[in-house]
N, C-alpha and C. Protein backbone atom coordinates (compact mmCIF):
# COMPACT_ATOMS: atom_id res chain seq x y z
N MET A 1 -1.63 4.15 4.80
CA MET A 1 -2.52 3.32 4.07
C MET A 1 -3.24 4.22 3.07
N ILE A 2 -3.31 3.69 1.84
CA ILE A 2 -4.00 4.45 0.78
C ILE A 2 -5.08 3.50 0.18
N ASP A 3 -6.33 3.99 0.29
CA ASP A 3 -7.45 3.23 -0.26
C ASP A 3 -8.63 4.19 -0.42
N ASP A 4 -9.30 4.07 -1.55
CA ASP A 4 -10.45 5.01 -1.78
C ASP A 4 -11.71 4.47 -1.08
N SER A 5 -11.72 3.26 -0.61
CA SER A 5 -12.89 2.69 0.07
C SER A 5 -12.85 2.96 1.57
N LYS A 6 -13.85 3.71 2.04
CA LYS A 6 -13.95 4.01 3.46
C LYS A 6 -14.04 2.75 4.30
N PHE A 7 -14.83 1.76 3.81
CA PHE A 7 -14.95 0.48 4.51
C PHE A 7 -13.61 -0.21 4.67
N MET A 8 -12.86 -0.22 3.57
CA MET A 8 -11.54 -0.97 3.63
C MET A 8 -10.56 -0.24 4.51
N ARG A 9 -10.61 1.12 4.46
CA ARG A 9 -9.68 1.85 5.40
C ARG A 9 -10.05 1.55 6.84
N LYS A 10 -11.32 1.56 7.17
CA LYS A 10 -11.69 1.26 8.54
C LYS A 10 -11.35 -0.17 8.94
N TYR A 11 -11.60 -1.08 8.08
CA TYR A 11 -11.30 -2.50 8.32
C TYR A 11 -9.81 -2.67 8.57
N LEU A 12 -8.94 -2.15 7.67
CA LEU A 12 -7.53 -2.28 7.80
C LEU A 12 -7.02 -1.56 9.00
N ARG A 13 -7.52 -0.35 9.20
CA ARG A 13 -7.04 0.45 10.40
C ARG A 13 -7.28 -0.34 11.66
N ARG A 14 -8.50 -0.88 11.82
CA ARG A 14 -8.78 -1.62 13.08
C ARG A 14 -7.81 -2.81 13.21
N PHE A 15 -7.60 -3.57 12.15
CA PHE A 15 -6.66 -4.67 12.19
C PHE A 15 -5.23 -4.27 12.52
N LEU A 16 -4.79 -3.22 11.81
CA LEU A 16 -3.40 -2.80 12.00
C LEU A 16 -3.15 -2.20 13.40
N GLU A 17 -4.09 -1.44 13.89
CA GLU A 17 -3.93 -0.88 15.21
C GLU A 17 -4.02 -1.98 16.29
N ASP A 18 -4.87 -2.95 16.08
CA ASP A 18 -4.94 -4.10 17.01
C ASP A 18 -3.60 -4.84 17.04
N GLU A 19 -2.89 -4.83 15.89
CA GLU A 19 -1.58 -5.47 15.83
C GLU A 19 -0.47 -4.58 16.35
N GLY A 20 -0.76 -3.39 16.78
CA GLY A 20 0.18 -2.45 17.47
C GLY A 20 0.78 -1.47 16.49
N HIS A 21 0.26 -1.27 15.30
CA HIS A 21 0.84 -0.37 14.34
C HIS A 21 0.14 0.96 14.36
N VAL A 22 0.88 2.03 14.10
CA VAL A 22 0.35 3.35 13.96
C VAL A 22 -0.08 3.52 12.50
N VAL A 23 -1.26 4.00 12.24
CA VAL A 23 -1.81 4.08 10.87
C VAL A 23 -2.11 5.54 10.49
N GLU A 24 -1.62 5.91 9.33
CA GLU A 24 -1.88 7.22 8.71
C GLU A 24 -2.65 6.85 7.45
N GLU A 25 -3.85 7.50 7.30
CA GLU A 25 -4.63 7.24 6.11
C GLU A 25 -4.45 8.42 5.11
N TRP A 26 -4.18 8.01 3.89
CA TRP A 26 -4.09 8.99 2.79
C TRP A 26 -5.18 8.68 1.82
N GLU A 27 -6.08 9.55 1.56
CA GLU A 27 -7.19 9.37 0.60
C GLU A 27 -7.28 10.49 -0.34
N ASP A 28 -8.07 10.26 -1.44
CA ASP A 28 -8.19 11.30 -2.48
C ASP A 28 -6.85 11.87 -2.85
N LEU A 29 -5.93 10.99 -3.14
CA LEU A 29 -4.55 11.39 -3.33
C LEU A 29 -4.17 11.65 -4.78
N LEU A 30 -3.36 12.72 -4.94
CA LEU A 30 -2.78 12.94 -6.27
C LEU A 30 -1.34 12.43 -6.21
N ALA A 31 -0.86 11.95 -7.32
CA ALA A 31 0.45 11.37 -7.35
C ALA A 31 1.54 12.34 -6.88
N GLU A 32 1.33 13.62 -7.22
CA GLU A 32 2.32 14.63 -6.81
C GLU A 32 2.43 14.89 -5.38
N GLU A 33 1.38 14.41 -4.58
CA GLU A 33 1.43 14.61 -3.16
C GLU A 33 2.23 13.54 -2.41
N ILE A 34 2.47 12.43 -3.05
CA ILE A 34 3.11 11.30 -2.38
C ILE A 34 4.52 11.64 -1.85
N PRO A 35 5.43 12.24 -2.59
CA PRO A 35 6.72 12.55 -2.02
C PRO A 35 6.67 13.42 -0.74
N ALA A 36 5.89 14.43 -0.76
CA ALA A 36 5.74 15.32 0.44
C ALA A 36 5.16 14.53 1.63
N LEU A 37 4.20 13.63 1.37
CA LEU A 37 3.67 12.87 2.49
C LEU A 37 4.70 11.90 3.07
N ILE A 38 5.49 11.30 2.21
CA ILE A 38 6.56 10.40 2.65
C ILE A 38 7.54 11.17 3.49
N GLN A 39 7.92 12.33 3.03
CA GLN A 39 8.88 13.12 3.81
C GLN A 39 8.33 13.60 5.13
N ALA A 40 7.04 13.98 5.12
CA ALA A 40 6.37 14.52 6.35
C ALA A 40 6.14 13.43 7.40
N PHE A 41 5.74 12.24 6.97
CA PHE A 41 5.29 11.19 7.93
C PHE A 41 6.35 10.08 8.10
N ALA A 42 7.32 9.94 7.21
CA ALA A 42 8.37 8.92 7.25
C ALA A 42 7.80 7.53 7.63
N PRO A 43 6.88 7.01 6.85
CA PRO A 43 6.25 5.73 7.14
C PRO A 43 7.33 4.60 6.95
N ASP A 44 7.10 3.49 7.68
CA ASP A 44 7.91 2.32 7.54
C ASP A 44 7.45 1.42 6.37
N LEU A 45 6.19 1.65 6.01
CA LEU A 45 5.56 0.81 5.00
C LEU A 45 4.43 1.51 4.40
N ILE A 46 4.20 1.36 3.09
CA ILE A 46 2.95 1.90 2.43
C ILE A 46 2.11 0.67 2.05
N ILE A 47 0.84 0.73 2.48
CA ILE A 47 -0.15 -0.25 2.05
C ILE A 47 -1.09 0.50 1.16
N THR A 48 -1.29 -0.03 -0.04
CA THR A 48 -2.20 0.67 -0.99
C THR A 48 -3.08 -0.29 -1.77
N ASP A 49 -4.26 0.16 -2.05
CA ASP A 49 -5.13 -0.55 -2.96
C ASP A 49 -4.52 -0.38 -4.36
N TYR A 50 -4.95 -1.19 -5.29
CA TYR A 50 -4.45 -1.02 -6.63
C TYR A 50 -5.39 -0.14 -7.45
N ILE A 51 -6.70 -0.53 -7.46
CA ILE A 51 -7.66 0.21 -8.29
C ILE A 51 -8.23 1.33 -7.48
N MET A 52 -7.90 2.57 -7.86
CA MET A 52 -8.47 3.77 -7.22
C MET A 52 -8.57 4.86 -8.32
N PRO A 53 -9.49 5.75 -8.15
CA PRO A 53 -9.59 6.83 -9.16
C PRO A 53 -8.42 7.77 -9.01
N GLY A 54 -7.91 8.22 -10.16
CA GLY A 54 -6.80 9.23 -10.13
C GLY A 54 -5.43 8.66 -9.96
N CYS A 55 -5.17 7.98 -8.91
CA CYS A 55 -3.82 7.54 -8.58
C CYS A 55 -3.92 6.07 -8.16
N ASN A 56 -3.55 5.18 -9.09
CA ASN A 56 -3.66 3.75 -8.77
C ASN A 56 -2.39 3.21 -8.08
N GLY A 57 -2.47 1.95 -7.66
CA GLY A 57 -1.35 1.33 -6.96
C GLY A 57 0.00 1.34 -7.67
N LEU A 58 -0.02 1.30 -8.99
CA LEU A 58 1.24 1.33 -9.74
C LEU A 58 1.87 2.74 -9.67
N THR A 59 0.99 3.74 -9.76
CA THR A 59 1.52 5.12 -9.64
C THR A 59 2.05 5.34 -8.22
N VAL A 60 1.36 4.84 -7.23
CA VAL A 60 1.84 4.94 -5.81
C VAL A 60 3.27 4.36 -5.75
N ALA A 61 3.34 3.10 -6.26
CA ALA A 61 4.64 2.38 -6.18
C ALA A 61 5.76 3.14 -6.92
N GLN A 62 5.48 3.72 -8.06
CA GLN A 62 6.46 4.49 -8.83
C GLN A 62 6.91 5.72 -8.01
N LYS A 63 5.96 6.43 -7.46
CA LYS A 63 6.29 7.65 -6.64
C LYS A 63 7.11 7.28 -5.39
N VAL A 64 6.69 6.23 -4.74
CA VAL A 64 7.44 5.75 -3.54
C VAL A 64 8.89 5.40 -3.97
N HIS A 65 8.98 4.60 -5.04
CA HIS A 65 10.33 4.20 -5.55
C HIS A 65 11.20 5.42 -5.87
N GLU A 66 10.58 6.45 -6.50
CA GLU A 66 11.39 7.63 -6.85
C GLU A 66 11.74 8.43 -5.60
N THR A 67 10.92 8.45 -4.57
CA THR A 67 11.12 9.27 -3.40
C THR A 67 12.00 8.59 -2.39
N LYS A 68 11.76 7.29 -2.10
CA LYS A 68 12.56 6.61 -1.10
C LYS A 68 12.71 5.15 -1.52
N GLN A 69 13.67 4.94 -2.35
CA GLN A 69 13.91 3.63 -2.84
C GLN A 69 14.22 2.63 -1.71
N GLY A 70 13.61 1.53 -1.77
CA GLY A 70 13.80 0.56 -0.70
C GLY A 70 12.68 0.53 0.31
N MET A 71 11.80 1.59 0.34
CA MET A 71 10.64 1.57 1.25
C MET A 71 9.67 0.52 0.80
N PRO A 72 9.33 -0.39 1.73
CA PRO A 72 8.38 -1.46 1.31
C PRO A 72 6.97 -0.97 0.99
N VAL A 73 6.45 -1.48 -0.13
CA VAL A 73 5.08 -1.18 -0.54
C VAL A 73 4.33 -2.46 -0.65
N LEU A 74 3.15 -2.51 -0.02
CA LEU A 74 2.31 -3.69 -0.10
C LEU A 74 1.03 -3.27 -0.90
N VAL A 75 0.78 -3.93 -1.98
CA VAL A 75 -0.41 -3.60 -2.82
C VAL A 75 -1.45 -4.70 -2.62
N ILE A 76 -2.68 -4.19 -2.40
CA ILE A 76 -3.86 -5.10 -2.29
C ILE A 76 -4.71 -4.90 -3.53
N THR A 77 -5.04 -5.99 -4.19
CA THR A 77 -5.77 -5.88 -5.47
C THR A 77 -6.73 -7.09 -5.65
N ALA A 78 -7.82 -6.81 -6.37
CA ALA A 78 -8.70 -7.85 -6.75
C ALA A 78 -8.28 -8.46 -8.10
N GLN A 79 -7.36 -7.80 -8.78
CA GLN A 79 -6.91 -8.30 -10.09
C GLN A 79 -5.82 -9.42 -9.90
N ARG A 80 -5.95 -10.40 -10.69
CA ARG A 80 -4.99 -11.50 -10.73
C ARG A 80 -4.39 -11.50 -12.10
N ASP A 81 -3.24 -10.88 -12.25
CA ASP A 81 -2.59 -10.68 -13.54
C ASP A 81 -1.08 -10.71 -13.28
N THR A 82 -0.42 -11.76 -13.81
CA THR A 82 1.02 -11.87 -13.62
C THR A 82 1.80 -10.73 -14.26
N GLY A 83 1.27 -10.17 -15.34
CA GLY A 83 1.92 -9.04 -15.98
C GLY A 83 1.89 -7.81 -15.07
N LEU A 84 0.73 -7.62 -14.40
CA LEU A 84 0.62 -6.52 -13.51
C LEU A 84 1.57 -6.66 -12.27
N ASP A 85 1.57 -7.95 -11.76
CA ASP A 85 2.48 -8.22 -10.66
C ASP A 85 3.86 -7.94 -10.99
N GLU A 86 4.32 -8.31 -12.19
CA GLU A 86 5.71 -8.02 -12.62
C GLU A 86 5.96 -6.48 -12.69
N GLN A 87 5.00 -5.79 -13.21
CA GLN A 87 5.17 -4.33 -13.28
C GLN A 87 5.28 -3.71 -11.93
N LEU A 88 4.45 -4.15 -11.00
CA LEU A 88 4.48 -3.67 -9.62
C LEU A 88 5.86 -3.96 -8.97
N ARG A 89 6.35 -5.11 -9.18
CA ARG A 89 7.59 -5.54 -8.61
C ARG A 89 8.82 -4.72 -9.16
N GLN A 90 8.68 -4.30 -10.43
CA GLN A 90 9.75 -3.44 -11.04
C GLN A 90 9.86 -2.13 -10.28
N PHE A 91 8.81 -1.70 -9.66
CA PHE A 91 8.90 -0.46 -8.88
C PHE A 91 9.01 -0.72 -7.41
N GLY A 92 9.49 -1.79 -7.03
CA GLY A 92 9.85 -2.07 -5.62
C GLY A 92 8.76 -2.58 -4.79
N VAL A 93 7.60 -3.00 -5.34
CA VAL A 93 6.51 -3.52 -4.53
C VAL A 93 7.04 -4.81 -3.85
N ALA A 94 6.98 -4.84 -2.57
CA ALA A 94 7.52 -5.99 -1.85
C ALA A 94 6.56 -7.11 -1.69
N GLU A 95 5.23 -6.80 -1.70
CA GLU A 95 4.21 -7.82 -1.47
C GLU A 95 2.96 -7.39 -2.21
N ILE A 96 2.35 -8.39 -2.86
CA ILE A 96 1.08 -8.19 -3.55
C ILE A 96 0.12 -9.19 -2.97
N MET A 97 -0.98 -8.67 -2.38
CA MET A 97 -2.01 -9.50 -1.82
C MET A 97 -3.31 -9.38 -2.58
N HIS A 98 -4.01 -10.46 -2.78
CA HIS A 98 -5.22 -10.49 -3.59
C HIS A 98 -6.46 -10.57 -2.65
N LYS A 99 -7.48 -9.85 -3.13
CA LYS A 99 -8.79 -9.92 -2.40
C LYS A 99 -9.48 -11.16 -2.81
N PRO A 100 -10.24 -11.78 -1.95
CA PRO A 100 -10.55 -11.34 -0.61
C PRO A 100 -9.29 -11.43 0.29
N LEU A 101 -9.02 -10.45 1.03
CA LEU A 101 -7.89 -10.36 1.90
C LEU A 101 -7.97 -11.32 3.12
N GLN A 102 -6.97 -12.07 3.33
CA GLN A 102 -6.86 -12.94 4.50
C GLN A 102 -5.99 -12.31 5.54
N LEU A 103 -6.59 -11.97 6.67
CA LEU A 103 -5.83 -11.20 7.69
C LEU A 103 -4.64 -11.97 8.24
N GLY A 104 -4.71 -13.26 8.27
CA GLY A 104 -3.58 -14.07 8.73
C GLY A 104 -2.40 -13.90 7.78
N GLU A 105 -2.69 -13.88 6.49
CA GLU A 105 -1.63 -13.65 5.48
C GLU A 105 -1.05 -12.24 5.57
N LEU A 106 -1.93 -11.29 5.79
CA LEU A 106 -1.50 -9.91 5.99
C LEU A 106 -0.63 -9.76 7.23
N LYS A 107 -0.96 -10.42 8.27
CA LYS A 107 -0.16 -10.42 9.50
C LYS A 107 1.24 -11.01 9.23
N ASP A 108 1.31 -12.10 8.45
CA ASP A 108 2.60 -12.69 8.13
C ASP A 108 3.41 -11.78 7.23
N ALA A 109 2.75 -11.15 6.31
CA ALA A 109 3.43 -10.24 5.40
C ALA A 109 4.01 -9.04 6.19
N LEU A 110 3.30 -8.49 7.11
CA LEU A 110 3.73 -7.40 7.92
C LEU A 110 4.98 -7.81 8.75
N ARG A 111 4.96 -8.99 9.31
CA ARG A 111 6.11 -9.48 10.03
C ARG A 111 7.37 -9.50 9.15
N LEU A 112 7.21 -9.99 7.93
CA LEU A 112 8.36 -10.03 7.02
C LEU A 112 8.84 -8.68 6.56
N LEU A 113 7.91 -7.71 6.34
CA LEU A 113 8.24 -6.41 5.75
C LEU A 113 8.73 -5.44 6.82
N LEU A 114 8.29 -5.62 8.03
CA LEU A 114 8.72 -4.69 9.09
C LEU A 114 9.71 -5.34 10.00
């Protein structure tokens, strides 16, 4: 999970762990670090916020796509922009969820992606 908000990381971690998932948090991330983290941790799914300083959700999706094509990426964003959604999907983003996040919808998305 990649998010610059400590609150959101804690909120998502609690939910994901309650659902039986193992969670690795990546924060203060540089784009160049993503390939090594994917190789080291071999995640089944990347969940990322879109708006973050330094490395946004599109950059994360691009790096994941370059490193392990086909790995599902779920982007959480407050922005509602069909152009952005299309860009994200071009880089293999499997799911885009908008804030405020509905945990029932996240649970359904996880079932489909995993």
